[in-house]
Protein backbone atom coordinates (compact mmCIF):
# COMPACT_ATOMS: atom_id res chain seq x y z
CA UNK A 1 5.04 -0.74 5.07
CA UNK A 2 3.50 -1.98 8.22
CA UNK A 3 1.63 1.84 8.72
CA UNK A 4 -0.22 1.24 5.55
CA UNK A 5 -1.29 -2.36 6.28
CA UNK A 6 -1.99 -1.42 10.04
CA UNK A 7 -4.21 1.96 8.46
CA UNK A 8 -5.87 -0.40 5.89
CA UNK A 9 -4.49 1.45 2.74
CA UNK A 10 -2.04 -1.49 2.44
CA UNK A 11 -4.26 -4.68 0.96
CA UNK A 12 -2.20 -6.32 -1.83
CA UNK A 13 1.77 -6.74 -2.46
CA UNK A 14 3.40 -8.01 -5.23
CA UNK A 15 7.20 -10.24 -4.66
CA UNK A 16 9.75 -11.73 -7.18
CA UNK A 17 8.58 -15.52 -8.14
CA UNK A 18 12.40 -16.37 -8.25
CA UNK A 19 12.96 -15.36 -4.54
CA UNK A 20 9.99 -18.04 -3.63
CA UNK A 21 12.63 -21.00 -5.87
CA UNK A 22 15.96 -19.09 -3.95
CA UNK A 23 14.26 -19.59 -0.52
CA UNK A 24 12.46 -22.72 -1.21
CA UNK A 25 9.43 -21.27 -0.25
CA UNK A 26 6.27 -22.19 -1.34
CA UNK A 27 3.62 -19.88 -2.44
CA UNK A 28 1.02 -18.21 -0.15
CA UNK A 29 -2.39 -19.69 -0.44
CA UNK A 30 -5.90 -18.39 0.28
CA UNK A 31 -6.70 -18.62 3.93
CA UNK A 32 -3.27 -18.60 4.57
CA UNK A 33 -2.50 -16.39 7.99
CA UNK A 34 0.93 -14.72 8.38
CA UNK A 35 2.56 -12.75 10.91
CA UNK A 36 3.15 -9.02 10.41
CA UNK A 37 6.12 -8.20 11.83
CA UNK A 38 8.13 -4.97 13.03
CA UNK A 39 11.94 -4.53 12.49
CA UNK A 40 12.73 -6.36 15.83
CA UNK A 41 10.96 -9.22 14.42
CA UNK A 42 7.99 -9.33 17.11
CA UNK A 43 4.57 -9.87 15.40
CA UNK A 44 2.38 -6.82 15.45
CA UNK A 45 -0.57 -8.08 14.08
CA UNK A 46 -2.23 -11.38 11.78
CA UNK A 47 -3.30 -10.86 8.01
CA UNK A 48 -5.06 -13.47 5.72
CA UNK A 49 -4.19 -14.10 2.05
CA UNK A 50 -7.08 -13.48 0.14
CA UNK A 51 -5.76 -13.56 -3.63
CA UNK A 52 -2.45 -14.89 -4.91
CA UNK A 53 -1.47 -14.91 -8.55
CA UNK A 54 1.88 -15.58 -10.71
CA UNK A 55 2.05 -13.48 -13.38
CA UNK A 56 4.32 -11.89 -15.94
CA UNK A 57 5.30 -8.45 -14.38
CA UNK A 58 3.46 -6.57 -17.66
CA UNK A 59 0.31 -8.06 -16.74
CA UNK A 60 -0.08 -6.69 -13.29
CA UNK A 61 -3.24 -4.78 -13.04
CA UNK A 62 -3.87 -1.01 -12.19
CA UNK A 63 -6.35 -2.39 -9.26
CA UNK A 64 -3.61 -4.48 -8.03
CA UNK A 65 -0.95 -1.95 -8.10
CA UNK A 66 -3.56 0.45 -6.60
CA UNK A 67 -4.32 -1.80 -3.42
CA UNK A 68 -0.70 -1.50 -2.48
CA UNK A 69 -1.34 1.65 -1.00
CA UNK A 70 1.94 3.45 -1.59
CA UNK A 71 0.75 6.50 -3.35
CA UNK A 72 1.29 5.68 -7.37
CA UNK A 73 -0.80 7.62 -9.28
CA UNK A 74 -0.52 5.11 -12.48
CA UNK A 75 0.55 2.04 -13.53
CA UNK A 76 3.40 3.52 -15.15
CA UNK A 77 4.77 4.98 -11.79
CA UNK A 78 3.92 1.71 -10.30
CA UNK A 79 6.14 0.08 -12.66
CA UNK A 80 9.06 2.33 -12.59
CA UNK A 81 9.06 2.19 -8.89
CA UNK A 82 8.89 -1.71 -8.73
CA UNK A 83 12.01 -1.88 -10.99
CA UNK A 84 13.83 0.22 -9.53
CA UNK A 85 13.38 -1.76 -6.32
CA UNK A 86 13.97 -4.73 -7.37
CA UNK A 87 17.17 -3.37 -8.97
CA UNK A 88 18.50 -1.98 -5.63
CA UNK A 89 17.90 -5.54 -4.52
CA UNK A 90 20.24 -6.81 -7.46
CA UNK A 91 17.82 -7.99 -9.86
CA UNK A 92 16.06 -6.47 -13.30
CA UNK A 93 12.86 -7.08 -14.23
CA UNK A 94 11.78 -6.72 -17.24
CA UNK A 95 7.95 -7.49 -18.60
CA UNK A 96 8.38 -10.96 -18.66
CA UNK A 97 9.78 -11.38 -15.05
CA UNK A 98 7.31 -13.56 -12.93
CA UNK A 99 5.65 -12.17 -10.28
CA UNK A 100 3.68 -13.19 -7.34
CA UNK A 101 0.48 -10.70 -6.57
CA UNK A 102 -0.73 -11.26 -2.83
CA UNK A 103 -4.06 -9.86 -1.52
CA UNK A 104 -4.63 -10.06 1.83
CA UNK A 105 -6.60 -8.36 4.83
CA UNK A 106 -5.73 -7.40 8.56
CA UNK A 107 -7.14 -9.53 10.84
CA UNK A 108 -6.02 -8.62 13.84
CA UNK A 109 -3.96 -6.29 14.87
CA UNK A 110 -2.14 -3.80 15.86
CA UNK A 111 -0.40 -5.74 18.97
CA UNK A 112 1.53 -4.04 21.74
CA UNK A 113 4.94 -5.58 23.59
CA UNK A 114 3.55 -6.99 26.95
CA UNK A 115 -0.17 -7.37 25.35
CA UNK A 116 -1.67 -11.11 25.60
CA UNK A 117 -2.75 -12.49 22.32
């Protein structure tokens, strides 16, 4: 996924609202900057949140799904893929399941090991 962000193809993501609650984590907010981490937990870039929406899964728009940049050909394909993904994580996603739709932009990156920030 990082490669899609760094290439400018992925400018959105979707998560389950219940995960925020389980982790007692607040929602991101517009203007917030976040580190993009590699598999070792090292910061490789910075993104800035440009949009935050909480909505039922069924109300996610094609514009948002396409902005995830993962190559889905339709909203139905995106929904099926996300249902499979969340199911592998142990959560059954129904039409009414609340999700968090984040939009973002790459503001800094990529960084390489040994390069000053």
